[in-house]
Amino acid sequence: MYTQIDRKAIRWKKHKRVRKTVVGSPERPRLAVFRSLNHIYAQIINDELGATLAAASSLDSDFKAAEFSGGNKEGAKKVGELIAQRALAKGIDKVVFDRGGNIYHGRIAALAEAAREVGLQF
């Protein structure tokens, strides 16, 4: 139905629309999620400083030790747990969620729910 270029353009357009309103601050940094076919990435970003405060992905050594795949919901849950643990270790407990132009479904939702279960509030 859509070509690969069209899908990327549609996602990018949605992402730009979301980023107009979702901005990370020192009090509530932004939890940004990016999903590729085989991996999933999450970062906690302070947009005022332009700094990444914490990050986790399916390429991390902690993730690979658990022998999950980044291309499924179980892997996304593990990345969600990792990012929440790293954020809480740095004293960050409230964030705003940036789904990166993807719909809140599947791996994106699994990552978000796992982060909430560990203790992040958004």
C-alpha atoms as a PDB file:
ATOM      1  CA  MET A   1       0.000   0.000   0.000  1.00  0.00           C
ATOM      2  CA  TYR A   2       2.601   2.584   1.123  1.00  0.00           C
ATOM      3  CA  THR A   3       6.203   2.556   0.042  1.00  0.00           C
ATOM      4  CA  GLN A   4       8.993   2.723   2.598  1.00  0.00           C
ATOM      5  CA  ILE A   5       9.669   6.385   1.793  1.00  0.00           C
ATOM      6  CA  ASP A   6       6.013   7.262   2.347  1.00  0.00           C
ATOM      7  CA  ARG A   7       5.962   5.535   5.748  1.00  0.00           C
ATOM      8  CA  LYS A   8       9.043   7.370   6.916  1.00  0.00           C
ATOM      9  CA  ALA A   9       7.609  10.665   5.703  1.00  0.00           C
ATOM     10  CA  ILE A  10       4.319  10.023   7.491  1.00  0.00           C
ATOM     11  CA  ARG A  11       6.091   9.094  10.753  1.00  0.00           C
ATOM     12  CA  TRP A  12       8.373  12.116  10.495  1.00  0.00           C
ATOM     13  CA  LYS A  13       5.379  14.412   9.938  1.00  0.00           C
ATOM     14  CA  LYS A  14       3.623  13.010  13.025  1.00  0.00           C
ATOM     15  CA  HIS A  15       6.814  13.311  15.047  1.00  0.00           C
ATOM     16  CA  LYS A  16       7.251  16.977  14.141  1.00  0.00           C
ATOM     17  CA  ARG A  17       3.621  17.635  15.110  1.00  0.00           C
ATOM     18  CA  VAL A  18       4.066  15.957  18.502  1.00  0.00           C
ATOM     19  CA  ARG A  19       7.353  17.764  19.187  1.00  0.00           C
ATOM     20  CA  LYS A  20       5.611  21.131  18.934  1.00  0.00           C
ATOM     21  CA  THR A  21       3.946  20.434  22.281  1.00  0.00           C
ATOM     22  CA  VAL A  22       6.112  17.785  23.983  1.00  0.00           C
ATOM     23  CA  VAL A  23       9.178  19.521  25.405  1.00  0.00           C
ATOM     24  CA  GLY A  24      11.490  18.215  28.105  1.00  0.00           C
ATOM     25  CA  SER A  25      12.440  20.497  30.981  1.00  0.00           C
ATOM     26  CA  PRO A  26      14.736  19.998  33.985  1.00  0.00           C
ATOM     27  CA  GLU A  27      11.668  19.207  36.131  1.00  0.00           C
ATOM     28  CA  ARG A  28      10.093  16.833  33.578  1.00  0.00           C
ATOM     29  CA  PRO A  29      12.556  15.641  30.934  1.00  0.00           C
ATOM     30  CA  ARG A  30      11.362  13.998  27.735  1.00  0.00           C
ATOM     31  CA  LEU A  31      11.365  10.205  27.350  1.00  0.00           C
ATOM     32  CA  ALA A  32      11.981   9.809  23.605  1.00  0.00           C
ATOM     33  CA  VAL A  33      11.480   6.421  21.955  1.00  0.00           C
ATOM     34  CA  PHE A  34      12.763   5.326  18.551  1.00  0.00           C
ATOM     35  CA  ARG A  35      11.862   1.994  17.016  1.00  0.00           C
ATOM     36  CA  SER A  36      13.560   0.284  14.105  1.00  0.00           C
ATOM     37  CA  LEU A  37      12.790  -3.110  12.642  1.00  0.00           C
ATOM     38  CA  ASN A  38      15.209  -5.017  14.901  1.00  0.00           C
ATOM     39  CA  HIS A  39      15.915  -2.663  17.808  1.00  0.00           C
ATOM     40  CA  ILE A  40      14.310  -0.151  20.152  1.00  0.00           C
ATOM     41  CA  TYR A  41      15.956   2.877  21.767  1.00  0.00           C
ATOM     42  CA  ALA A  42      14.908   5.139  24.646  1.00  0.00           C
ATOM     43  CA  GLN A  43      16.482   8.365  25.898  1.00  0.00           C
ATOM     44  CA  ILE A  44      15.631  10.793  28.652  1.00  0.00           C
ATOM     45  CA  ILE A  45      16.421  14.278  27.349  1.00  0.00           C
ATOM     46  CA  ASN A  46      16.521  17.753  28.872  1.00  0.00           C
ATOM     47  CA  ASP A  47      15.609  19.899  25.866  1.00  0.00           C
ATOM     48  CA  GLU A  48      16.608  23.182  27.528  1.00  0.00           C
ATOM     49  CA  LEU A  49      20.220  21.991  27.800  1.00  0.00           C
ATOM     50  CA  GLY A  50      20.108  19.688  24.798  1.00  0.00           C
ATOM     51  CA  ALA A  51      21.527  16.927  26.986  1.00  0.00           C
ATOM     52  CA  THR A  52      20.752  13.235  27.249  1.00  0.00           C
ATOM     53  CA  LEU A  53      20.349  12.361  30.923  1.00  0.00           C
ATOM     54  CA  ALA A  54      19.873   8.596  30.555  1.00  0.00           C
ATOM     55  CA  ALA A  55      19.635   6.119  27.702  1.00  0.00           C
ATOM     56  CA  ALA A  56      18.844   2.459  27.111  1.00  0.00           C
ATOM     57  CA  SER A  57      18.504   0.371  23.982  1.00  0.00           C
ATOM     58  CA  SER A  58      18.344  -3.183  22.776  1.00  0.00           C
ATOM     59  CA  LEU A  59      22.056  -2.850  21.888  1.00  0.00           C
ATOM     60  CA  ASP A  60      23.168  -2.328  25.527  1.00  0.00           C
ATOM     61  CA  SER A  61      25.313  -4.959  27.213  1.00  0.00           C
ATOM     62  CA  ASP A  62      22.758  -5.245  30.069  1.00  0.00           C
ATOM     63  CA  PHE A  63      20.082  -6.032  27.498  1.00  0.00           C
ATOM     64  CA  LYS A  64      22.186  -8.550  25.571  1.00  0.00           C
ATOM     65  CA  ALA A  65      23.060 -10.377  28.793  1.00  0.00           C
ATOM     66  CA  ALA A  66      19.335 -11.036  29.271  1.00  0.00           C
ATOM     67  CA  GLU A  67      19.174 -12.588  25.760  1.00  0.00           C
ATOM     68  CA  PHE A  68      16.110 -10.701  24.538  1.00  0.00           C
ATOM     69  CA  SER A  69      15.384  -9.419  21.048  1.00  0.00           C
ATOM     70  CA  GLY A  70      14.737  -5.733  20.430  1.00  0.00           C
ATOM     71  CA  GLY A  71      12.231  -6.545  17.707  1.00  0.00           C
ATOM     72  CA  ASN A  72       9.482  -7.872  19.967  1.00  0.00           C
ATOM     73  CA  LYS A  73       7.366  -6.731  22.919  1.00  0.00           C
ATOM     74  CA  GLU A  74       9.362  -8.683  25.516  1.00  0.00           C
ATOM     75  CA  GLY A  75      12.507  -6.871  24.440  1.00  0.00           C
ATOM     76  CA  ALA A  76      10.721  -3.524  24.554  1.00  0.00           C
ATOM     77  CA  LYS A  77       9.570  -4.285  28.111  1.00  0.00           C
ATOM     78  CA  LYS A  78      13.161  -4.983  29.136  1.00  0.00           C
ATOM     79  CA  VAL A  79      14.346  -1.674  27.590  1.00  0.00           C
ATOM     80  CA  GLY A  80      11.510   0.121  29.419  1.00  0.00           C
ATOM     81  CA  GLU A  81      12.646  -1.387  32.708  1.00  0.00           C
ATOM     82  CA  LEU A  82      16.274  -0.444  32.002  1.00  0.00           C
ATOM     83  CA  ILE A  83      15.491   3.185  31.174  1.00  0.00           C
ATOM     84  CA  ALA A  84      13.269   3.543  34.247  1.00  0.00           C
ATOM     85  CA  GLN A  85      15.922   2.073  36.552  1.00  0.00           C
ATOM     86  CA  ARG A  86      18.600   4.362  35.115  1.00  0.00           C
ATOM     87  CA  ALA A  87      16.329   7.403  35.429  1.00  0.00           C
ATOM     88  CA  LEU A  88      15.390   6.622  39.021  1.00  0.00           C
ATOM     89  CA  ALA A  89      19.065   6.117  39.868  1.00  0.00           C
ATOM     90  CA  LYS A  90      19.687   9.699  38.682  1.00  0.00           C
ATOM     91  CA  GLY A  91      16.751  11.088  40.655  1.00  0.00           C
ATOM     92  CA  ILE A  92      14.341  11.451  37.709  1.00  0.00           C
ATOM     93  CA  ASP A  93      10.860  10.173  38.488  1.00  0.00           C
ATOM     94  CA  LYS A  94       8.587  12.326  36.265  1.00  0.00           C
ATOM     95  CA  VAL A  95       8.916  12.556  32.483  1.00  0.00           C
ATOM     96  CA  VAL A  96       6.876  13.494  29.423  1.00  0.00           C
ATOM     97  CA  PHE A  97       6.487  10.713  26.863  1.00  0.00           C
ATOM     98  CA  ASP A  98       7.509  11.256  23.234  1.00  0.00           C
ATOM     99  CA  ARG A  99       6.412   8.310  21.116  1.00  0.00           C
ATOM    100  CA  GLY A 100       8.466   9.532  18.158  1.00  0.00           C
ATOM    101  CA  GLY A 101       5.633   9.717  15.650  1.00  0.00           C
ATOM    102  CA  ASN A 102       4.713   6.055  16.149  1.00  0.00           C
ATOM    103  CA  ILE A 103       1.262   4.997  17.267  1.00  0.00           C
ATOM    104  CA  TYR A 104       0.940   4.020  20.942  1.00  0.00           C
ATOM    105  CA  HIS A 105       0.682   0.300  20.275  1.00  0.00           C
ATOM    106  CA  GLY A 106       2.812  -2.834  20.388  1.00  0.00           C
ATOM    107  CA  ARG A 107       6.462  -2.263  21.301  1.00  0.00           C
ATOM    108  CA  ILE A 108       5.987   1.442  22.062  1.00  0.00           C
ATOM    109  CA  ALA A 109       3.168   0.730  24.523  1.00  0.00           C
ATOM    110  CA  ALA A 110       5.067  -2.204  26.064  1.00  0.00           C
ATOM    111  CA  LEU A 111       8.099   0.012  26.737  1.00  0.00           C
ATOM    112  CA  ALA A 112       5.918   2.722  28.294  1.00  0.00           C
ATOM    113  CA  GLU A 113       3.984   0.317  30.514  1.00  0.00           C
ATOM    114  CA  ALA A 114       7.188  -1.357  31.747  1.00  0.00           C
ATOM    115  CA  ALA A 115       8.699   2.039  32.603  1.00  0.00           C
ATOM    116  CA  ARG A 116       5.546   2.943  34.545  1.00  0.00           C
ATOM    117  CA  GLU A 117       5.636  -0.344  36.468  1.00  0.00           C
ATOM    118  CA  VAL A 118       9.200   0.332  37.628  1.00  0.00           C
ATOM    119  CA  GLY A 119       8.239   3.798  38.869  1.00  0.00           C
ATOM    120  CA  LEU A 120       8.447   6.481  36.172  1.00  0.00           C
ATOM    121  CA  GLN A 121       5.437   8.790  36.131  1.00  0.00           C
ATOM    122  CA  PHE A 122       3.981  10.105  32.856  1.00  0.00           C
END
